[in-house]
């Protein structure tokens, strides 16, 4: 996120993927938008899972991860990660919920 808290729309549009027929954003990309580590983002979402709808987040399968890595150049380093990434549904109202948790948690 920029210093003034504004993220250009084209930056968000460039990281939206369609997986399982739904528009999603990978945890890694969402963490970069918030200027936090992916570990921190996932940690806060796990701690506050009750604040999100059940279908707001899901984990990719190994096959889905391989397709994402093959088709998205900016995600090539995921190829070497042993963990499967989480994805967040691209719903603009809910998309900002993790940000409030990250930036207001002690």
C-alpha atoms as a PDB file:
ATOM      1  CA  UNK A   1       0.000   0.000   0.000  1.00  0.00           C
ATOM      2  CA  UNK A   2       1.326   3.454  -0.767  1.00  0.00           C
ATOM      3  CA  UNK A   3       2.180   5.981   1.923  1.00  0.00           C
ATOM      4  CA  UNK A   4      -1.173   7.715   1.538  1.00  0.00           C
ATOM      5  CA  UNK A   5      -3.075   4.414   1.687  1.00  0.00           C
ATOM      6  CA  UNK A   6      -4.111   4.542  -1.968  1.00  0.00           C
ATOM      7  CA  UNK A   7      -3.653   1.514  -4.212  1.00  0.00           C
ATOM      8  CA  UNK A   8      -4.113   2.042  -7.947  1.00  0.00           C
ATOM      9  CA  UNK A   9      -6.961  -0.059  -9.352  1.00  0.00           C
ATOM     10  CA  UNK A  10      -4.761  -1.450 -12.125  1.00  0.00           C
ATOM     11  CA  UNK A  11      -2.389  -2.869  -9.517  1.00  0.00           C
ATOM     12  CA  UNK A  12      -5.257  -4.802  -7.953  1.00  0.00           C
ATOM     13  CA  UNK A  13      -6.653  -5.890 -11.313  1.00  0.00           C
ATOM     14  CA  UNK A  14      -3.250  -7.329 -12.276  1.00  0.00           C
ATOM     15  CA  UNK A  15      -3.202  -9.741  -9.331  1.00  0.00           C
ATOM     16  CA  UNK A  16      -6.749 -11.070  -9.593  1.00  0.00           C
ATOM     17  CA  UNK A  17      -6.891 -14.682 -10.763  1.00  0.00           C
ATOM     18  CA  UNK A  18      -9.837 -16.902 -11.611  1.00  0.00           C
ATOM     19  CA  UNK A  19      -9.625 -20.193  -9.734  1.00  0.00           C
ATOM     20  CA  UNK A  20     -12.523 -22.609  -9.303  1.00  0.00           C
ATOM     21  CA  UNK A  21     -14.601 -20.158 -11.293  1.00  0.00           C
ATOM     22  CA  UNK A  22     -14.144 -17.393  -8.715  1.00  0.00           C
ATOM     23  CA  UNK A  23     -12.080 -14.218  -8.729  1.00  0.00           C
ATOM     24  CA  UNK A  24      -9.378 -14.526  -6.079  1.00  0.00           C
ATOM     25  CA  UNK A  25      -6.168 -12.917  -4.882  1.00  0.00           C
ATOM     26  CA  UNK A  26      -3.291 -15.032  -3.572  1.00  0.00           C
ATOM     27  CA  UNK A  27      -2.172 -14.505   0.006  1.00  0.00           C
ATOM     28  CA  UNK A  28       1.254 -13.426  -1.214  1.00  0.00           C
ATOM     29  CA  UNK A  29      -0.165 -10.684  -3.447  1.00  0.00           C
ATOM     30  CA  UNK A  30      -2.584  -9.472  -0.786  1.00  0.00           C
ATOM     31  CA  UNK A  31       0.233  -9.309   1.765  1.00  0.00           C
ATOM     32  CA  UNK A  32       2.277  -7.193  -0.644  1.00  0.00           C
ATOM     33  CA  UNK A  33      -0.648  -4.777  -0.998  1.00  0.00           C
ATOM     34  CA  UNK A  34      -0.717  -4.422   2.786  1.00  0.00           C
ATOM     35  CA  UNK A  35       3.097  -4.184   3.075  1.00  0.00           C
ATOM     36  CA  UNK A  36       3.300  -7.176   5.415  1.00  0.00           C
ATOM     37  CA  UNK A  37       4.731 -10.651   5.080  1.00  0.00           C
ATOM     38  CA  UNK A  38       2.546 -13.473   3.845  1.00  0.00           C
ATOM     39  CA  UNK A  39       3.181 -15.228   7.147  1.00  0.00           C
ATOM     40  CA  UNK A  40       1.829 -12.238   9.084  1.00  0.00           C
ATOM     41  CA  UNK A  41      -1.270 -11.966   6.894  1.00  0.00           C
ATOM     42  CA  UNK A  42      -2.131 -15.657   7.247  1.00  0.00           C
ATOM     43  CA  UNK A  43      -1.403 -15.563  10.969  1.00  0.00           C
ATOM     44  CA  UNK A  44      -3.875 -12.722  11.524  1.00  0.00           C
ATOM     45  CA  UNK A  45      -6.545 -14.311   9.348  1.00  0.00           C
ATOM     46  CA  UNK A  46      -6.199 -17.612  11.274  1.00  0.00           C
ATOM     47  CA  UNK A  47      -6.463 -15.805  14.614  1.00  0.00           C
ATOM     48  CA  UNK A  48      -9.566 -13.937  13.480  1.00  0.00           C
ATOM     49  CA  UNK A  49     -11.225 -16.556  11.265  1.00  0.00           C
ATOM     50  CA  UNK A  50     -14.606 -15.906  12.887  1.00  0.00           C
ATOM     51  CA  UNK A  51     -14.695 -12.420  11.328  1.00  0.00           C
ATOM     52  CA  UNK A  52     -14.790 -13.808   7.785  1.00  0.00           C
ATOM     53  CA  UNK A  53     -17.447 -15.699   5.839  1.00  0.00           C
ATOM     54  CA  UNK A  54     -16.704 -19.428   5.526  1.00  0.00           C
ATOM     55  CA  UNK A  55     -16.022 -19.195   1.798  1.00  0.00           C
ATOM     56  CA  UNK A  56     -13.854 -16.057   1.928  1.00  0.00           C
ATOM     57  CA  UNK A  57     -10.562 -17.973   1.958  1.00  0.00           C
ATOM     58  CA  UNK A  58      -9.432 -21.372   0.735  1.00  0.00           C
ATOM     59  CA  UNK A  59      -6.169 -23.178   0.091  1.00  0.00           C
ATOM     60  CA  UNK A  60      -5.024 -24.122  -3.387  1.00  0.00           C
ATOM     61  CA  UNK A  61      -4.466 -27.743  -4.282  1.00  0.00           C
ATOM     62  CA  UNK A  62      -1.033 -28.815  -5.527  1.00  0.00           C
ATOM     63  CA  UNK A  63      -2.410 -28.989  -9.078  1.00  0.00           C
ATOM     64  CA  UNK A  64      -3.876 -25.453  -8.833  1.00  0.00           C
ATOM     65  CA  UNK A  65      -0.602 -24.136  -7.441  1.00  0.00           C
ATOM     66  CA  UNK A  66       1.311 -25.679 -10.350  1.00  0.00           C
ATOM     67  CA  UNK A  67      -1.048 -24.023 -12.859  1.00  0.00           C
ATOM     68  CA  UNK A  68      -0.701 -20.634 -11.158  1.00  0.00           C
ATOM     69  CA  UNK A  69       3.085 -20.884 -11.154  1.00  0.00           C
ATOM     70  CA  UNK A  70       3.119 -21.912 -14.817  1.00  0.00           C
ATOM     71  CA  UNK A  71       0.829 -19.073 -15.909  1.00  0.00           C
ATOM     72  CA  UNK A  72       1.896 -16.148 -13.703  1.00  0.00           C
ATOM     73  CA  UNK A  73       5.483 -14.994 -14.090  1.00  0.00           C
ATOM     74  CA  UNK A  74       5.426 -12.903 -10.910  1.00  0.00           C
ATOM     75  CA  UNK A  75       4.599 -16.046  -8.900  1.00  0.00           C
ATOM     76  CA  UNK A  76       7.450 -18.221 -10.167  1.00  0.00           C
ATOM     77  CA  UNK A  77       9.105 -18.310  -6.726  1.00  0.00           C
ATOM     78  CA  UNK A  78       6.058 -20.197  -5.395  1.00  0.00           C
ATOM     79  CA  UNK A  79       7.393 -23.155  -7.347  1.00  0.00           C
ATOM     80  CA  UNK A  80      10.006 -23.684  -4.641  1.00  0.00           C
ATOM     81  CA  UNK A  81       7.640 -23.296  -1.682  1.00  0.00           C
ATOM     82  CA  UNK A  82       6.583 -26.482   0.054  1.00  0.00           C
ATOM     83  CA  UNK A  83       3.340 -24.952   1.322  1.00  0.00           C
ATOM     84  CA  UNK A  84       0.141 -24.452  -0.619  1.00  0.00           C
ATOM     85  CA  UNK A  85      -0.948 -20.812  -0.787  1.00  0.00           C
ATOM     86  CA  UNK A  86      -4.244 -19.486   0.474  1.00  0.00           C
ATOM     87  CA  UNK A  87      -6.437 -17.410  -1.776  1.00  0.00           C
ATOM     88  CA  UNK A  88      -8.947 -14.749  -0.808  1.00  0.00           C
ATOM     89  CA  UNK A  89     -12.136 -14.143  -2.723  1.00  0.00           C
ATOM     90  CA  UNK A  90     -11.957 -10.877  -4.575  1.00  0.00           C
ATOM     91  CA  UNK A  91     -14.878  -9.130  -2.918  1.00  0.00           C
ATOM     92  CA  UNK A  92     -13.851  -5.513  -2.446  1.00  0.00           C
ATOM     93  CA  UNK A  93     -15.730  -5.006   0.828  1.00  0.00           C
ATOM     94  CA  UNK A  94     -14.285  -8.140   2.409  1.00  0.00           C
ATOM     95  CA  UNK A  95     -10.879  -7.718   0.809  1.00  0.00           C
ATOM     96  CA  UNK A  96     -10.012  -4.916   3.215  1.00  0.00           C
ATOM     97  CA  UNK A  97     -10.980  -6.835   6.365  1.00  0.00           C
ATOM     98  CA  UNK A  98      -7.546  -8.441   6.782  1.00  0.00           C
ATOM     99  CA  UNK A  99      -5.944  -5.000   6.555  1.00  0.00           C
ATOM    100  CA  UNK A 100      -7.845  -3.791   9.603  1.00  0.00           C
ATOM    101  CA  UNK A 101      -6.640  -6.836  11.550  1.00  0.00           C
ATOM    102  CA  UNK A 102      -3.016  -6.473  10.495  1.00  0.00           C
ATOM    103  CA  UNK A 103      -2.714  -2.770  11.124  1.00  0.00           C
ATOM    104  CA  UNK A 104      -4.629  -2.689  14.420  1.00  0.00           C
ATOM    105  CA  UNK A 105      -3.383  -5.852  16.152  1.00  0.00           C
ATOM    106  CA  UNK A 106      -0.639  -5.411  18.757  1.00  0.00           C
END
